[in-house]
Amino acid sequence: MATLSMFYGIIVKMNKEDREPHHKPHVHGWHAGRQASFDIETGEVIAGSMDADDEAMVRAWIKIHREELFANWKLLSEEGTFFKVEPLR
């Protein structure tokens, strides 16, 4: 799984998965032993859960970097490569 960014103790990763609900573009956020998967298009949690503040930060980060995340999704699924994304500041 590719680590795209880290901010405020949150680690955001991405990998391509073909099965529901993970076949659509998404990222995984980890913090304090909790994990959630977020739809890149909507920012909605599609699996798991994190503290509300952590989820809000990941959603904000997704909103800021949506185009980069879609580009990374395509790169990762087609070529197996990715690029780092700026952290939330």
PDB file of N, CA and C in Angstrom:
ATOM      1  N   MET A   1       0.845  -1.168   0.000  1.00  0.00           N
ATOM      2  CA  MET A   1       0.000   0.000   0.000  1.00  0.00           C
ATOM      3  C   MET A   1       0.896   1.238   0.000  1.00  0.00           C
ATOM      4  N   ALA A   2       0.598   2.182  -0.870  1.00  0.00           N
ATOM      5  CA  ALA A   2       1.411   3.385  -1.037  1.00  0.00           C
ATOM      6  C   ALA A   2       1.048   4.444  -0.004  1.00  0.00           C
ATOM      7  N   THR A   3       2.046   4.945   0.727  1.00  0.00           N
ATOM      8  CA  THR A   3       1.814   6.037   1.663  1.00  0.00           C
ATOM      9  C   THR A   3       1.888   7.348   0.902  1.00  0.00           C
ATOM     10  N   LEU A   4       0.757   8.051   0.815  1.00  0.00           N
ATOM     11  CA  LEU A   4       0.681   9.296   0.057  1.00  0.00           C
ATOM     12  C   LEU A   4       1.060  10.506   0.885  1.00  0.00           C
ATOM     13  N   SER A   5       0.662  10.526   2.155  1.00  0.00           N
ATOM     14  CA  SER A   5       0.878  11.714   2.970  1.00  0.00           C
ATOM     15  C   SER A   5       0.746  11.369   4.450  1.00  0.00           C
ATOM     16  N   MET A   6       1.311  12.238   5.290  1.00  0.00           N
ATOM     17  CA  MET A   6       1.196  12.125   6.740  1.00  0.00           C
ATOM     18  C   MET A   6       1.021  13.523   7.313  1.00  0.00           C
ATOM     19  N   PHE A   7       0.037  13.693   8.200  1.00  0.00           N
ATOM     20  CA  PHE A   7      -0.192  14.987   8.838  1.00  0.00           C
ATOM     21  C   PHE A   7      -0.926  14.787  10.157  1.00  0.00           C
ATOM     22  N   TYR A   8      -0.524  15.540  11.168  1.00  0.00           N
ATOM     23  CA  TYR A   8      -1.148  15.499  12.487  1.00  0.00           C
ATOM     24  C   TYR A   8      -1.308  14.071  13.022  1.00  0.00           C
ATOM     25  N   GLY A   9      -0.339  13.230  12.748  1.00  0.00           N
ATOM     26  CA  GLY A   9      -0.362  11.851  13.207  1.00  0.00           C
ATOM     27  C   GLY A   9      -1.190  10.914  12.346  1.00  0.00           C
ATOM     28  N   ILE A  10      -1.841  11.447  11.324  1.00  0.00           N
ATOM     29  CA  ILE A  10      -2.668  10.649  10.419  1.00  0.00           C
ATOM     30  C   ILE A  10      -1.807  10.194   9.239  1.00  0.00           C
ATOM     31  N   ILE A  11      -1.904   8.939   8.889  1.00  0.00           N
ATOM     32  CA  ILE A  11      -1.212   8.384   7.724  1.00  0.00           C
ATOM     33  C   ILE A  11      -2.273   8.081   6.681  1.00  0.00           C
ATOM     34  N   VAL A  12      -2.054   8.565   5.442  1.00  0.00           N
ATOM     35  CA  VAL A  12      -3.000   8.324   4.351  1.00  0.00           C
ATOM     36  C   VAL A  12      -2.321   7.473   3.294  1.00  0.00           C
ATOM     37  N   LYS A  13      -2.971   6.356   2.968  1.00  0.00           N
ATOM     38  CA  LYS A  13      -2.417   5.411   1.997  1.00  0.00           C
ATOM     39  C   LYS A  13      -3.440   5.120   0.907  1.00  0.00           C
ATOM     40  N   MET A  14      -2.952   4.525  -0.174  1.00  0.00           N
ATOM     41  CA  MET A  14      -3.824   4.153  -1.284  1.00  0.00           C
ATOM     42  C   MET A  14      -3.351   2.849  -1.879  1.00  0.00           C
ATOM     43  N   ASN A  15      -4.306   2.026  -2.268  1.00  0.00           N
ATOM     44  CA  ASN A  15      -4.002   0.858  -3.085  1.00  0.00           C
ATOM     45  C   ASN A  15      -5.220   0.542  -3.928  1.00  0.00           C
ATOM     46  N   LYS A  16      -5.023  -0.131  -5.011  1.00  0.00           N
ATOM     47  CA  LYS A  16      -6.114  -0.484  -5.922  1.00  0.00           C
ATOM     48  C   LYS A  16      -6.724  -1.788  -5.476  1.00  0.00           C
ATOM     49  N   GLU A  17      -8.042  -1.769  -5.282  1.00  0.00           N
ATOM     50  CA  GLU A  17      -8.785  -2.973  -4.919  1.00  0.00           C
ATOM     51  C   GLU A  17      -9.973  -3.072  -5.852  1.00  0.00           C
ATOM     52  N   ASP A  18     -10.239  -4.250  -6.361  1.00  0.00           N
ATOM     53  CA  ASP A  18     -11.304  -4.431  -7.336  1.00  0.00           C
ATOM     54  C   ASP A  18     -12.642  -4.842  -6.748  1.00  0.00           C
ATOM     55  N   ARG A  19     -12.700  -5.160  -5.468  1.00  0.00           N
ATOM     56  CA  ARG A  19     -13.965  -5.647  -4.928  1.00  0.00           C
ATOM     57  C   ARG A  19     -14.721  -4.516  -4.223  1.00  0.00           C
ATOM     58  N   GLU A  20     -16.046  -4.659  -4.165  1.00  0.00           N
ATOM     59  CA  GLU A  20     -16.916  -3.675  -3.504  1.00  0.00           C
ATOM     60  C   GLU A  20     -16.551  -3.573  -2.033  1.00  0.00           C
ATOM     61  N   PRO A  21     -16.685  -2.441  -1.350  1.00  0.00           N
ATOM     62  CA  PRO A  21     -16.954  -1.139  -1.926  1.00  0.00           C
ATOM     63  C   PRO A  21     -15.689  -0.436  -2.377  1.00  0.00           C
ATOM     64  N   HIS A  22     -14.605  -1.186  -2.451  1.00  0.00           N
ATOM     65  CA  HIS A  22     -13.294  -0.584  -2.682  1.00  0.00           C
ATOM     66  C   HIS A  22     -12.878  -0.490  -4.146  1.00  0.00           C
ATOM     67  N   HIS A  23     -13.756  -0.794  -5.084  1.00  0.00           N
ATOM     68  CA  HIS A  23     -13.345  -0.700  -6.483  1.00  0.00           C
ATOM     69  C   HIS A  23     -13.294   0.739  -6.960  1.00  0.00           C
ATOM     70  N   LYS A  24     -13.968   1.649  -6.268  1.00  0.00           N
ATOM     71  CA  LYS A  24     -13.922   3.042  -6.692  1.00  0.00           C
ATOM     72  C   LYS A  24     -12.746   3.749  -6.022  1.00  0.00           C
ATOM     73  N   PRO A  25     -12.294   4.856  -6.609  1.00  0.00           N
ATOM     74  CA  PRO A  25     -11.133   5.566  -6.063  1.00  0.00           C
ATOM     75  C   PRO A  25     -11.333   5.946  -4.592  1.00  0.00           C
ATOM     76  N   HIS A  26     -10.364   5.568  -3.758  1.00  0.00           N
ATOM     77  CA  HIS A  26     -10.458   5.812  -2.333  1.00  0.00           C
ATOM     78  C   HIS A  26      -9.082   5.862  -1.697  1.00  0.00           C
ATOM     79  N   VAL A  27      -9.038   6.381  -0.489  1.00  0.00           N
ATOM     80  CA  VAL A  27      -7.817   6.377   0.316  1.00  0.00           C
ATOM     81  C   VAL A  27      -8.147   5.771   1.669  1.00  0.00           C
ATOM     82  N   HIS A  28      -7.105   5.321   2.352  1.00  0.00           N
ATOM     83  CA  HIS A  28      -7.227   4.765   3.696  1.00  0.00           C
ATOM     84  C   HIS A  28      -6.519   5.712   4.660  1.00  0.00           C
ATOM     85  N   GLY A  29      -7.201   6.075   5.734  1.00  0.00           N
ATOM     86  CA  GLY A  29      -6.598   6.916   6.761  1.00  0.00           C
ATOM     87  C   GLY A  29      -6.409   6.121   8.038  1.00  0.00           C
ATOM     88  N   TRP A  30      -5.265   6.274   8.686  1.00  0.00           N
ATOM     89  CA  TRP A  30      -4.956   5.604   9.953  1.00  0.00           C
ATOM     90  C   TRP A  30      -4.554   6.636  10.993  1.00  0.00           C
ATOM     91  N   HIS A  31      -5.050   6.453  12.209  1.00  0.00           N
ATOM     92  CA  HIS A  31      -4.588   7.272  13.335  1.00  0.00           C
ATOM     93  C   HIS A  31      -5.038   6.612  14.633  1.00  0.00           C
ATOM     94  N   ALA A  32      -4.144   6.545  15.580  1.00  0.00           N
ATOM     95  CA  ALA A  32      -4.436   6.043  16.929  1.00  0.00           C
ATOM     96  C   ALA A  32      -5.124   4.679  16.912  1.00  0.00           C
ATOM     97  N   GLY A  33      -4.643   3.794  16.043  1.00  0.00           N
ATOM     98  CA  GLY A  33      -5.167   2.443  15.994  1.00  0.00           C
ATOM     99  C   GLY A  33      -6.502   2.290  15.287  1.00  0.00           C
ATOM    100  N   ARG A  34      -6.992   3.353  14.686  1.00  0.00           N
ATOM    101  CA  ARG A  34      -8.268   3.293  13.964  1.00  0.00           C
ATOM    102  C   ARG A  34      -8.012   3.549  12.485  1.00  0.00           C
ATOM    103  N   GLN A  35      -8.870   2.973  11.640  1.00  0.00           N
ATOM    104  CA  GLN A  35      -8.698   3.083  10.196  1.00  0.00           C
ATOM    105  C   GLN A  35     -10.047   3.281   9.534  1.00  0.00           C
ATOM    106  N   ALA A  36     -10.060   4.129   8.489  1.00  0.00           N
ATOM    107  CA  ALA A  36     -11.262   4.324   7.683  1.00  0.00           C
ATOM    108  C   ALA A  36     -10.856   4.481   6.229  1.00  0.00           C
ATOM    109  N   SER A  37     -11.735   4.050   5.338  1.00  0.00           N
ATOM    110  CA  SER A  37     -11.546   4.239   3.898  1.00  0.00           C
ATOM    111  C   SER A  37     -12.490   5.345   3.451  1.00  0.00           C
ATOM    112  N   PHE A  38     -11.970   6.269   2.629  1.00  0.00           N
ATOM    113  CA  PHE A  38     -12.723   7.434   2.182  1.00  0.00           C
ATOM    114  C   PHE A  38     -12.837   7.446   0.668  1.00  0.00           C
ATOM    115  N   ASP A  39     -14.046   7.637   0.167  1.00  0.00           N
ATOM    116  CA  ASP A  39     -14.290   7.817  -1.261  1.00  0.00           C
ATOM    117  C   ASP A  39     -13.666   9.148  -1.675  1.00  0.00           C
ATOM    118  N   ILE A  40     -12.843   9.156  -2.713  1.00  0.00           N
ATOM    119  CA  ILE A  40     -12.184  10.382  -3.146  1.00  0.00           C
ATOM    120  C   ILE A  40     -13.192  11.380  -3.726  1.00  0.00           C
ATOM    121  N   GLU A  41     -14.179  10.895  -4.436  1.00  0.00           N
ATOM    122  CA  GLU A  41     -15.158  11.782  -5.069  1.00  0.00           C
ATOM    123  C   GLU A  41     -15.992  12.543  -4.038  1.00  0.00           C
ATOM    124  N   THR A  42     -16.474  11.847  -3.025  1.00  0.00           N
ATOM    125  CA  THR A  42     -17.407  12.449  -2.069  1.00  0.00           C
ATOM    126  C   THR A  42     -16.807  12.763  -0.709  1.00  0.00           C
ATOM    127  N   GLY A  43     -15.697  12.117  -0.366  1.00  0.00           N
ATOM    128  CA  GLY A  43     -15.116  12.257   0.964  1.00  0.00           C
ATOM    129  C   GLY A  43     -15.813  11.402   2.009  1.00  0.00           C
ATOM    130  N   GLU A  44     -16.844  10.662   1.615  1.00  0.00           N
ATOM    131  CA  GLU A  44     -17.586   9.822   2.547  1.00  0.00           C
ATOM    132  C   GLU A  44     -16.754   8.630   3.015  1.00  0.00           C
ATOM    133  N   VAL A  45     -16.982   8.216   4.255  1.00  0.00           N
ATOM    134  CA  VAL A  45     -16.357   6.997   4.772  1.00  0.00           C
ATOM    135  C   VAL A  45     -17.094   5.814   4.157  1.00  0.00           C
ATOM    136  N   ILE A  46     -16.350   4.922   3.511  1.00  0.00           N
ATOM    137  CA  ILE A  46     -16.971   3.750   2.890  1.00  0.00           C
ATOM    138  C   ILE A  46     -16.698   2.470   3.674  1.00  0.00           C
ATOM    139  N   ALA A  47     -15.787   2.544   4.630  1.00  0.00           N
ATOM    140  CA  ALA A  47     -15.504   1.396   5.494  1.00  0.00           C
ATOM    141  C   ALA A  47     -14.722   1.891   6.709  1.00  0.00           C
ATOM    142  N   GLY A  48     -14.921   1.243   7.836  1.00  0.00           N
ATOM    143  CA  GLY A  48     -14.176   1.579   9.040  1.00  0.00           C
ATOM    144  C   GLY A  48     -14.647   2.875   9.674  1.00  0.00           C
ATOM    145  N   SER A  49     -13.854   3.357  10.630  1.00  0.00           N
ATOM    146  CA  SER A  49     -14.173   4.626  11.293  1.00  0.00           C
ATOM    147  C   SER A  49     -12.930   5.170  11.990  1.00  0.00           C
ATOM    148  N   MET A  50     -12.940   6.472  12.162  1.00  0.00           N
ATOM    149  CA  MET A  50     -11.897   7.176  12.898  1.00  0.00           C
ATOM    150  C   MET A  50     -12.614   8.166  13.815  1.00  0.00           C
ATOM    151  N   ASP A  51     -11.871   8.799  14.712  1.00  0.00           N
ATOM    152  CA  ASP A  51     -12.457   9.866  15.514  1.00  0.00           C
ATOM    153  C   ASP A  51     -12.992  10.941  14.581  1.00  0.00           C
ATOM    154  N   ALA A  52     -14.048  11.631  14.995  1.00  0.00           N
ATOM    155  CA  ALA A  52     -14.701  12.641  14.155  1.00  0.00           C
ATOM    156  C   ALA A  52     -13.724  13.724  13.685  1.00  0.00           C
ATOM    157  N   ASP A  53     -12.838  14.189  14.560  1.00  0.00           N
ATOM    158  CA  ASP A  53     -11.873  15.222  14.169  1.00  0.00           C
ATOM    159  C   ASP A  53     -10.910  14.700  13.111  1.00  0.00           C
ATOM    160  N   ASP A  54     -10.471  13.460  13.258  1.00  0.00           N
ATOM    161  CA  ASP A  54      -9.560  12.860  12.273  1.00  0.00           C
ATOM    162  C   ASP A  54     -10.260  12.708  10.922  1.00  0.00           C
ATOM    163  N   GLU A  55     -11.505  12.237  10.950  1.00  0.00           N
ATOM    164  CA  GLU A  55     -12.259  12.107   9.697  1.00  0.00           C
ATOM    165  C   GLU A  55     -12.421  13.459   9.022  1.00  0.00           C
ATOM    166  N   ALA A  56     -12.687  14.498   9.795  1.00  0.00           N
ATOM    167  CA  ALA A  56     -12.852  15.845   9.237  1.00  0.00           C
ATOM    168  C   ALA A  56     -11.552  16.325   8.582  1.00  0.00           C
ATOM    169  N   MET A  57     -10.411  16.032   9.209  1.00  0.00           N
ATOM    170  CA  MET A  57      -9.134  16.438   8.619  1.00  0.00           C
ATOM    171  C   MET A  57      -8.854  15.690   7.325  1.00  0.00           C
ATOM    172  N   VAL A  58      -9.134  14.391   7.294  1.00  0.00           N
ATOM    173  CA  VAL A  58      -8.915  13.626   6.067  1.00  0.00           C
ATOM    174  C   VAL A  58      -9.838  14.142   4.971  1.00  0.00           C
ATOM    175  N   ARG A  59     -11.092  14.423   5.290  1.00  0.00           N
ATOM    176  CA  ARG A  59     -12.033  14.960   4.290  1.00  0.00           C
ATOM    177  C   ARG A  59     -11.540  16.301   3.735  1.00  0.00           C
ATOM    178  N   ALA A  60     -11.051  17.174   4.605  1.00  0.00           N
ATOM    179  CA  ALA A  60     -10.531  18.473   4.160  1.00  0.00           C
ATOM    180  C   ALA A  60      -9.338  18.273   3.230  1.00  0.00           C
ATOM    181  N   TRP A  61      -8.452  17.369   3.607  1.00  0.00           N
ATOM    182  CA  TRP A  61      -7.270  17.078   2.792  1.00  0.00           C
ATOM    183  C   TRP A  61      -7.683  16.531   1.429  1.00  0.00           C
ATOM    184  N   ILE A  62      -8.662  15.614   1.411  1.00  0.00           N
ATOM    185  CA  ILE A  62      -9.157  15.060   0.146  1.00  0.00           C
ATOM    186  C   ILE A  62      -9.709  16.178  -0.730  1.00  0.00           C
ATOM    187  N   LYS A  63     -10.486  17.068  -0.145  1.00  0.00           N
ATOM    188  CA  LYS A  63     -11.087  18.161  -0.919  1.00  0.00           C
ATOM    189  C   LYS A  63     -10.012  19.037  -1.562  1.00  0.00           C
ATOM    190  N   ILE A  64      -8.975  19.337  -0.823  1.00  0.00           N
ATOM    191  CA  ILE A  64      -7.884  20.175  -1.333  1.00  0.00           C
ATOM    192  C   ILE A  64      -7.112  19.465  -2.445  1.00  0.00           C
ATOM    193  N   HIS A  65      -6.913  18.154  -2.326  1.00  0.00           N
ATOM    194  CA  HIS A  65      -6.025  17.407  -3.226  1.00  0.00           C
ATOM    195  C   HIS A  65      -6.753  16.415  -4.135  1.00  0.00           C
ATOM    196  N   ARG A  66      -8.037  16.615  -4.356  1.00  0.00           N
ATOM    197  CA  ARG A  66      -8.854  15.650  -5.111  1.00  0.00           C
ATOM    198  C   ARG A  66      -8.242  15.303  -6.474  1.00  0.00           C
ATOM    199  N   GLU A  67      -7.840  16.299  -7.249  1.00  0.00           N
ATOM    200  CA  GLU A  67      -7.281  16.027  -8.584  1.00  0.00           C
ATOM    201  C   GLU A  67      -6.011  15.191  -8.499  1.00  0.00           C
ATOM    202  N   GLU A  68      -5.153  15.501  -7.547  1.00  0.00           N
ATOM    203  CA  GLU A  68      -3.922  14.733  -7.361  1.00  0.00           C
ATOM    204  C   GLU A  68      -4.234  13.291  -6.956  1.00  0.00           C
ATOM    205  N   LEU A  69      -5.253  13.113  -6.138  1.00  0.00           N
ATOM    206  CA  LEU A  69      -5.626  11.772  -5.689  1.00  0.00           C
ATOM    207  C   LEU A  69      -6.168  10.939  -6.839  1.00  0.00           C
ATOM    208  N   PHE A  70      -6.979  11.550  -7.707  1.00  0.00           N
ATOM    209  CA  PHE A  70      -7.458  10.812  -8.879  1.00  0.00           C
ATOM    210  C   PHE A  70      -6.294  10.447  -9.799  1.00  0.00           C
ATOM    211  N   ALA A  71      -5.334  11.364  -9.953  1.00  0.00           N
ATOM    212  CA  ALA A  71      -4.151  11.063 -10.773  1.00  0.00           C
ATOM    213  C   ALA A  71      -3.362   9.913 -10.162  1.00  0.00           C
ATOM    214  N   ASN A  72      -3.203   9.919  -8.847  1.00  0.00           N
ATOM    215  CA  ASN A  72      -2.496   8.829  -8.170  1.00  0.00           C
ATOM    216  C   ASN A  72      -3.242   7.515  -8.320  1.00  0.00           C
ATOM    217  N   TRP A  73      -4.573   7.538  -8.228  1.00  0.00           N
ATOM    218  CA  TRP A  73      -5.371   6.321  -8.395  1.00  0.00           C
ATOM    219  C   TRP A  73      -5.089   5.709  -9.761  1.00  0.00           C
ATOM    220  N   LYS A  74      -5.082   6.555 -10.785  1.00  0.00           N
ATOM    221  CA  LYS A  74      -4.831   6.068 -12.145  1.00  0.00           C
ATOM    222  C   LYS A  74      -3.413   5.518 -12.274  1.00  0.00           C
ATOM    223  N   LEU A  75      -2.432   6.258 -11.782  1.00  0.00           N
ATOM    224  CA  LEU A  75      -1.041   5.796 -11.837  1.00  0.00           C
ATOM    225  C   LEU A  75      -0.854   4.472 -11.115  1.00  0.00           C
ATOM    226  N   LEU A  76      -1.397   4.383  -9.920  1.00  0.00           N
ATOM    227  CA  LEU A  76      -1.221   3.180  -9.113  1.00  0.00           C
ATOM    228  C   LEU A  76      -1.882   1.971  -9.772  1.00  0.00           C
ATOM    229  N   SER A  77      -3.065   2.174 -10.338  1.00  0.00           N
ATOM    230  CA  SER A  77      -3.771   1.039 -10.939  1.00  0.00           C
ATOM    231  C   SER A  77      -3.194   0.637 -12.286  1.00  0.00           C
ATOM    232  N   GLU A  78      -2.652   1.586 -13.040  1.00  0.00           N
ATOM    233  CA  GLU A  78      -2.143   1.274 -14.376  1.00  0.00           C
ATOM    234  C   GLU A  78      -0.648   0.944 -14.399  1.00  0.00           C
ATOM    235  N   GLU A  79       0.130   1.649 -13.563  1.00  0.00           N
ATOM    236  CA  GLU A  79       1.585   1.497 -13.623  1.00  0.00           C
ATOM    237  C   GLU A  79       2.218   1.014 -12.323  1.00  0.00           C
ATOM    238  N   GLY A  80       1.446   1.028 -11.242  1.00  0.00           N
ATOM    239  CA  GLY A  80       1.994   0.626  -9.956  1.00  0.00           C
ATOM    240  C   GLY A  80       2.871   1.682  -9.313  1.00  0.00           C
ATOM    241  N   THR A  81       2.823   2.915  -9.838  1.00  0.00           N
ATOM    242  CA  THR A  81       3.614   4.009  -9.275  1.00  0.00           C
ATOM    243  C   THR A  81       2.684   5.052  -8.666  1.00  0.00           C
ATOM    244  N   PHE A  82       3.253   5.955  -7.883  1.00  0.00           N
ATOM    245  CA  PHE A  82       2.470   7.023  -7.260  1.00  0.00           C
ATOM    246  C   PHE A  82       3.406   8.166  -6.906  1.00  0.00           C
ATOM    247  N   PHE A  83       2.824   9.310  -6.531  1.00  0.00           N
ATOM    248  CA  PHE A  83       3.618  10.434  -6.053  1.00  0.00           C
ATOM    249  C   PHE A  83       3.050  10.895  -4.711  1.00  0.00           C
ATOM    250  N   LYS A  84       3.911  11.481  -3.896  1.00  0.00           N
ATOM    251  CA  LYS A  84       3.503  11.981  -2.582  1.00  0.00           C
ATOM    252  C   LYS A  84       2.591  13.203  -2.770  1.00  0.00           C
ATOM    253  N   VAL A  85       1.702  13.397  -1.812  1.00  0.00           N
ATOM    254  CA  VAL A  85       0.782  14.531  -1.817  1.00  0.00           C
ATOM    255  C   VAL A  85       1.061  15.368  -0.578  1.00  0.00           C
ATOM    256  N   GLU A  86       1.065  16.682  -0.745  1.00  0.00           N
ATOM    257  CA  GLU A  86       1.360  17.595   0.370  1.00  0.00           C
ATOM    258  C   GLU A  86       0.445  17.306   1.561  1.00  0.00           C
ATOM    259  N   PRO A  87       0.986  17.407   2.753  1.00  0.00           N
ATOM    260  CA  PRO A  87       0.165  17.173   3.941  1.00  0.00           C
ATOM    261  C   PRO A  87      -0.759  18.359   4.217  1.00  0.00           C
ATOM    262  N   LEU A  88      -1.734  18.148   5.067  1.00  0.00           N
ATOM    263  CA  LEU A  88      -2.607  19.203   5.543  1.00  0.00           C
ATOM    264  C   LEU A  88      -1.785  20.041   6.506  1.00  0.00           C
ATOM    265  N   ARG A  89      -1.847  21.331   6.370  1.00  0.00           N
ATOM    266  CA  ARG A  89      -1.064  22.235   7.252  1.00  0.00           C
ATOM    267  C   ARG A  89      -1.979  23.169   7.991  1.00  0.00           C
TER     268      ARG A  89
END
